[in-house]
Amino acid sequence: MTAFTPEGQDLRALLSRLIATVPELSRELAERLSGLAVAYERPPGVHPLTGRRAPNLRLPDGELFTLLHPGRHVLLDLTTTPHEGWPAAALIRPDGHVAWAGDDPSKASRS
C-alpha cells in the first residue's frame, strides 16, 4: 500500500473512498489507531462497563472529559441525573476507562 506502484496507488484510492463513504469504517479505523477501542479484561461478576472507555457524558458539572483534565479519577454519582445504559455510579480512570461501576457510589474502589 505504501509502494508508488499502480497497484499501491489503486489500493490507497480504494481505501480513501471507503473511509470517505463508509462512516462505520472511518470510526473503526479512528478508534483502533487512536487506542480508543482498547477495552480491558474484567473479572467475572463486575459491571459490563468496567474496563470500557467511557463516552463524554454531559453532566451538571460539565462534560466528563473536561472533568478528567486534571489527571485524577472521577467518581460519577448518577443517582439524581441518570444516563441511559449507565448504573447509578461509576469511577472513571484518568485515561477515560471505567474502573468500577455499580448502583452504590459508596462501594467504589480504585482499580
N, C-alpha and C. Protein backbone atom coordinates (compact mmCIF):
# COMPACT_ATOMS: atom_id res chain seq x y z
N MET A 1 0.82 -1.19 0.00
CA MET A 1 0.00 0.00 0.00
C MET A 1 0.87 1.26 0.00
N THR A 2 2.06 1.18 0.54
CA THR A 2 2.91 2.36 0.58
C THR A 2 3.80 2.46 -0.65
N ALA A 3 3.76 1.46 -1.50
CA ALA A 3 4.58 1.48 -2.70
C ALA A 3 4.00 2.46 -3.72
N PHE A 4 4.86 3.08 -4.48
CA PHE A 4 4.41 4.01 -5.51
C PHE A 4 4.22 3.27 -6.84
N THR A 5 3.57 2.13 -6.74
CA THR A 5 3.24 1.34 -7.92
C THR A 5 1.79 1.62 -8.29
N PRO A 6 1.38 1.27 -9.48
CA PRO A 6 -0.04 1.46 -9.83
C PRO A 6 -0.97 0.70 -8.88
N GLU A 7 -0.55 -0.50 -8.46
CA GLU A 7 -1.38 -1.28 -7.54
C GLU A 7 -1.50 -0.59 -6.18
N GLY A 8 -0.36 -0.09 -5.68
CA GLY A 8 -0.37 0.62 -4.40
C GLY A 8 -1.22 1.87 -4.45
N GLN A 9 -1.13 2.61 -5.55
CA GLN A 9 -1.95 3.81 -5.71
C GLN A 9 -3.43 3.44 -5.80
N ASP A 10 -3.75 2.36 -6.49
CA ASP A 10 -5.15 1.91 -6.58
C ASP A 10 -5.69 1.51 -5.20
N LEU A 11 -4.85 0.82 -4.43
CA LEU A 11 -5.27 0.40 -3.09
C LEU A 11 -5.50 1.62 -2.19
N ARG A 12 -4.61 2.60 -2.24
CA ARG A 12 -4.80 3.83 -1.46
C ARG A 12 -6.06 4.56 -1.89
N ALA A 13 -6.32 4.62 -3.17
CA ALA A 13 -7.53 5.30 -3.67
C ALA A 13 -8.79 4.58 -3.18
N LEU A 14 -8.78 3.25 -3.24
CA LEU A 14 -9.93 2.47 -2.78
C LEU A 14 -10.16 2.70 -1.28
N LEU A 15 -9.11 2.62 -0.49
CA LEU A 15 -9.24 2.81 0.95
C LEU A 15 -9.72 4.23 1.26
N SER A 16 -9.21 5.20 0.54
CA SER A 16 -9.64 6.59 0.75
C SER A 16 -11.14 6.75 0.46
N ARG A 17 -11.60 6.12 -0.63
CA ARG A 17 -13.04 6.19 -0.96
C ARG A 17 -13.87 5.53 0.13
N LEU A 18 -13.43 4.37 0.62
CA LEU A 18 -14.18 3.67 1.68
C LEU A 18 -14.23 4.50 2.96
N ILE A 19 -13.13 5.10 3.34
CA ILE A 19 -13.11 5.93 4.55
C ILE A 19 -14.06 7.11 4.39
N ALA A 20 -14.10 7.69 3.20
CA ALA A 20 -14.94 8.87 2.96
C ALA A 20 -16.42 8.53 2.86
N THR A 21 -16.75 7.31 2.45
CA THR A 21 -18.16 6.98 2.19
C THR A 21 -18.78 5.99 3.18
N VAL A 22 -17.97 5.35 4.00
CA VAL A 22 -18.50 4.36 4.96
C VAL A 22 -18.15 4.83 6.37
N PRO A 23 -19.09 5.56 7.03
CA PRO A 23 -18.79 6.13 8.34
C PRO A 23 -18.37 5.09 9.38
N GLU A 24 -18.95 3.89 9.31
CA GLU A 24 -18.59 2.85 10.28
C GLU A 24 -17.11 2.47 10.15
N LEU A 25 -16.63 2.38 8.93
CA LEU A 25 -15.22 2.05 8.70
C LEU A 25 -14.32 3.17 9.19
N SER A 26 -14.71 4.40 8.90
CA SER A 26 -13.93 5.55 9.34
C SER A 26 -13.82 5.57 10.86
N ARG A 27 -14.94 5.34 11.54
CA ARG A 27 -14.95 5.34 13.01
C ARG A 27 -14.10 4.19 13.56
N GLU A 28 -14.26 3.01 12.98
CA GLU A 28 -13.50 1.84 13.43
C GLU A 28 -11.99 2.08 13.30
N LEU A 29 -11.58 2.60 12.16
CA LEU A 29 -10.15 2.89 11.96
C LEU A 29 -9.65 3.94 12.95
N ALA A 30 -10.44 4.98 13.15
CA ALA A 30 -10.03 6.05 14.08
C ALA A 30 -9.89 5.49 15.49
N GLU A 31 -10.83 4.66 15.92
CA GLU A 31 -10.77 4.10 17.27
C GLU A 31 -9.58 3.15 17.44
N ARG A 32 -9.32 2.36 16.43
CA ARG A 32 -8.18 1.43 16.52
C ARG A 32 -6.85 2.16 16.50
N LEU A 33 -6.71 3.14 15.63
CA LEU A 33 -5.44 3.85 15.51
C LEU A 33 -5.17 4.75 16.71
N SER A 34 -6.22 5.29 17.32
CA SER A 34 -6.05 6.20 18.46
C SER A 34 -5.98 5.47 19.79
N GLY A 35 -6.36 4.20 19.81
CA GLY A 35 -6.38 3.45 21.06
C GLY A 35 -7.71 3.57 21.79
N LEU A 36 -8.68 4.28 21.21
CA LEU A 36 -9.97 4.43 21.88
C LEU A 36 -10.75 3.13 21.94
N ALA A 37 -10.41 2.18 21.09
CA ALA A 37 -11.13 0.90 21.08
C ALA A 37 -10.60 -0.07 22.13
N VAL A 38 -9.57 0.32 22.87
CA VAL A 38 -8.99 -0.56 23.88
C VAL A 38 -10.03 -0.83 24.98
N ALA A 39 -10.21 -2.08 25.31
CA ALA A 39 -11.08 -2.48 26.41
C ALA A 39 -10.30 -3.50 27.24
N TYR A 40 -10.29 -3.29 28.54
CA TYR A 40 -9.53 -4.16 29.43
C TYR A 40 -10.40 -5.32 29.89
N GLU A 41 -9.75 -6.46 30.14
CA GLU A 41 -10.49 -7.61 30.67
C GLU A 41 -11.04 -7.25 32.04
N ARG A 42 -12.18 -7.82 32.34
CA ARG A 42 -12.77 -7.56 33.66
C ARG A 42 -13.04 -8.89 34.34
N PRO A 43 -12.92 -8.89 35.65
CA PRO A 43 -13.19 -10.13 36.39
C PRO A 43 -14.67 -10.50 36.29
N PRO A 44 -14.98 -11.76 36.48
CA PRO A 44 -16.38 -12.19 36.45
C PRO A 44 -17.19 -11.47 37.52
N GLY A 45 -18.41 -11.15 37.19
CA GLY A 45 -19.32 -10.59 38.17
C GLY A 45 -19.30 -9.07 38.30
N VAL A 46 -18.41 -8.40 37.58
CA VAL A 46 -18.40 -6.94 37.65
C VAL A 46 -19.29 -6.37 36.57
N HIS A 47 -19.61 -5.10 36.69
CA HIS A 47 -20.50 -4.44 35.74
C HIS A 47 -19.88 -4.48 34.33
N PRO A 48 -20.69 -4.68 33.29
CA PRO A 48 -20.17 -4.76 31.92
C PRO A 48 -19.42 -3.52 31.45
N LEU A 49 -19.65 -2.36 32.04
CA LEU A 49 -18.93 -1.15 31.64
C LEU A 49 -17.49 -1.13 32.15
N THR A 50 -17.20 -1.91 33.17
CA THR A 50 -15.86 -1.94 33.75
C THR A 50 -14.84 -2.36 32.69
N GLY A 51 -13.79 -1.55 32.54
CA GLY A 51 -12.76 -1.83 31.56
C GLY A 51 -13.00 -1.19 30.21
N ARG A 52 -14.18 -0.64 30.01
CA ARG A 52 -14.52 0.01 28.74
C ARG A 52 -14.24 1.50 28.83
N ARG A 53 -14.06 2.13 27.68
CA ARG A 53 -13.86 3.58 27.65
C ARG A 53 -15.22 4.26 27.80
N ALA A 54 -15.27 5.24 28.68
CA ALA A 54 -16.50 5.99 28.91
C ALA A 54 -16.70 7.01 27.79
N PRO A 55 -17.94 7.25 27.41
CA PRO A 55 -18.20 8.32 26.46
C PRO A 55 -18.11 9.67 27.17
N ASN A 56 -18.10 10.73 26.44
CA ASN A 56 -18.03 12.07 27.02
C ASN A 56 -19.42 12.48 27.50
N LEU A 57 -19.80 11.95 28.66
CA LEU A 57 -21.13 12.22 29.20
C LEU A 57 -21.30 13.70 29.55
N ARG A 58 -22.48 14.22 29.29
CA ARG A 58 -22.80 15.59 29.73
C ARG A 58 -23.38 15.49 31.13
N LEU A 59 -22.74 16.20 32.05
CA LEU A 59 -23.09 16.15 33.46
C LEU A 59 -23.43 17.56 33.95
N PRO A 60 -24.08 17.67 35.10
CA PRO A 60 -24.39 19.01 35.63
C PRO A 60 -23.15 19.87 35.84
N ASP A 61 -22.00 19.25 36.17
CA ASP A 61 -20.76 19.99 36.41
C ASP A 61 -19.95 20.23 35.14
N GLY A 62 -20.40 19.75 34.00
CA GLY A 62 -19.67 19.87 32.74
C GLY A 62 -19.57 18.52 32.06
N GLU A 63 -18.77 18.46 31.03
CA GLU A 63 -18.59 17.20 30.32
C GLU A 63 -17.54 16.34 31.03
N LEU A 64 -17.70 15.03 30.96
CA LEU A 64 -16.82 14.10 31.65
C LEU A 64 -15.36 14.31 31.27
N PHE A 65 -15.06 14.42 29.98
CA PHE A 65 -13.67 14.54 29.57
C PHE A 65 -13.02 15.80 30.12
N THR A 66 -13.79 16.86 30.27
CA THR A 66 -13.25 18.09 30.88
C THR A 66 -12.92 17.85 32.34
N LEU A 67 -13.76 17.09 33.04
CA LEU A 67 -13.51 16.77 34.45
C LEU A 67 -12.27 15.89 34.62
N LEU A 68 -11.89 15.16 33.57
CA LEU A 68 -10.72 14.29 33.63
C LEU A 68 -9.41 15.03 33.36
N HIS A 69 -9.48 16.27 32.89
CA HIS A 69 -8.26 17.02 32.54
C HIS A 69 -7.22 17.09 33.66
N PRO A 70 -7.60 17.23 34.93
CA PRO A 70 -6.56 17.29 35.97
C PRO A 70 -5.78 15.98 36.16
N GLY A 71 -6.21 14.91 35.48
CA GLY A 71 -5.47 13.65 35.58
C GLY A 71 -5.80 12.85 36.83
N ARG A 72 -7.00 13.00 37.34
CA ARG A 72 -7.44 12.26 38.53
C ARG A 72 -8.67 11.42 38.20
N HIS A 73 -8.92 10.42 39.05
CA HIS A 73 -10.15 9.64 38.92
C HIS A 73 -11.34 10.56 39.15
N VAL A 74 -12.45 10.23 38.48
CA VAL A 74 -13.70 10.97 38.68
C VAL A 74 -14.77 9.97 39.09
N LEU A 75 -15.39 10.22 40.23
CA LEU A 75 -16.49 9.38 40.70
C LEU A 75 -17.79 10.02 40.27
N LEU A 76 -18.52 9.32 39.42
CA LEU A 76 -19.81 9.82 38.95
C LEU A 76 -20.91 9.27 39.82
N ASP A 77 -21.69 10.16 40.40
CA ASP A 77 -22.88 9.78 41.15
C ASP A 77 -24.06 10.16 40.27
N LEU A 78 -24.63 9.18 39.60
CA LEU A 78 -25.70 9.42 38.64
C LEU A 78 -27.07 9.13 39.22
N THR A 79 -27.17 9.10 40.55
CA THR A 79 -28.46 8.78 41.17
C THR A 79 -29.51 9.86 40.91
N THR A 80 -29.08 11.11 40.79
CA THR A 80 -30.04 12.19 40.53
C THR A 80 -30.07 12.61 39.07
N THR A 81 -29.06 12.24 38.32
CA THR A 81 -29.02 12.57 36.89
C THR A 81 -28.70 11.31 36.10
N PRO A 82 -29.66 10.40 35.98
CA PRO A 82 -29.38 9.12 35.32
C PRO A 82 -29.05 9.30 33.83
N HIS A 83 -28.20 8.40 33.34
CA HIS A 83 -27.87 8.32 31.93
C HIS A 83 -28.27 6.94 31.45
N GLU A 84 -28.92 6.88 30.30
CA GLU A 84 -29.40 5.60 29.77
C GLU A 84 -28.25 4.62 29.59
N GLY A 85 -28.42 3.43 30.11
CA GLY A 85 -27.41 2.39 29.98
C GLY A 85 -26.31 2.47 31.02
N TRP A 86 -26.38 3.44 31.94
CA TRP A 86 -25.36 3.61 32.96
C TRP A 86 -25.94 3.28 34.32
N PRO A 87 -25.10 2.69 35.20
CA PRO A 87 -25.56 2.41 36.56
C PRO A 87 -25.64 3.71 37.37
N ALA A 88 -25.98 3.60 38.63
CA ALA A 88 -26.11 4.79 39.48
C ALA A 88 -24.77 5.45 39.77
N ALA A 89 -23.67 4.70 39.65
CA ALA A 89 -22.35 5.27 39.96
C ALA A 89 -21.28 4.60 39.11
N ALA A 90 -20.22 5.37 38.85
CA ALA A 90 -19.08 4.83 38.10
C ALA A 90 -17.83 5.61 38.48
N LEU A 91 -16.73 4.88 38.63
CA LEU A 91 -15.44 5.50 38.88
C LEU A 91 -14.67 5.48 37.56
N ILE A 92 -14.32 6.66 37.07
CA ILE A 92 -13.65 6.77 35.78
C ILE A 92 -12.17 7.06 36.00
N ARG A 93 -11.31 6.26 35.39
CA ARG A 93 -9.86 6.47 35.50
C ARG A 93 -9.45 7.71 34.72
N PRO A 94 -8.28 8.26 35.00
CA PRO A 94 -7.81 9.44 34.27
C PRO A 94 -7.70 9.23 32.75
N ASP A 95 -7.53 7.97 32.31
CA ASP A 95 -7.45 7.70 30.87
C ASP A 95 -8.82 7.54 30.22
N GLY A 96 -9.90 7.73 31.01
CA GLY A 96 -11.25 7.67 30.47
C GLY A 96 -11.89 6.30 30.50
N HIS A 97 -11.21 5.29 31.04
CA HIS A 97 -11.79 3.96 31.14
C HIS A 97 -12.51 3.81 32.48
N VAL A 98 -13.55 3.00 32.49
CA VAL A 98 -14.33 2.76 33.70
C VAL A 98 -13.56 1.79 34.60
N ALA A 99 -13.22 2.25 35.80
CA ALA A 99 -12.51 1.41 36.77
C ALA A 99 -13.50 0.57 37.58
N TRP A 100 -14.67 1.14 37.82
CA TRP A 100 -15.70 0.47 38.62
C TRP A 100 -17.05 1.05 38.23
N ALA A 101 -18.07 0.23 38.26
CA ALA A 101 -19.44 0.71 38.02
C ALA A 101 -20.39 -0.13 38.86
N GLY A 102 -21.40 0.51 39.39
CA GLY A 102 -22.38 -0.18 40.21
C GLY A 102 -23.51 0.73 40.61
N ASP A 103 -24.34 0.25 41.51
CA ASP A 103 -25.50 1.02 41.92
C ASP A 103 -25.34 1.73 43.26
N ASP A 104 -24.16 1.60 43.89
CA ASP A 104 -23.92 2.24 45.18
C ASP A 104 -22.58 2.97 45.15
N PRO A 105 -22.60 4.33 45.05
CA PRO A 105 -21.35 5.08 44.97
C PRO A 105 -20.41 4.84 46.15
N SER A 106 -20.92 4.47 47.31
CA SER A 106 -20.05 4.27 48.48
C SER A 106 -19.18 3.01 48.34
N LYS A 107 -19.48 2.16 47.38
CA LYS A 107 -18.70 0.92 47.19
C LYS A 107 -17.63 1.05 46.13
N ALA A 108 -17.45 2.24 45.59
CA ALA A 108 -16.44 2.44 44.54
C ALA A 108 -15.04 2.25 45.11
N SER A 109 -14.19 1.57 44.34
CA SER A 109 -12.80 1.39 44.75
C SER A 109 -11.92 1.64 43.55
N ARG A 110 -10.71 2.16 43.78
CA ARG A 110 -9.80 2.42 42.67
C ARG A 110 -9.28 1.10 42.11
N SER A 111 -9.18 1.07 40.79
CA SER A 111 -8.62 -0.11 40.12
C SER A 111 -7.31 0.24 39.47
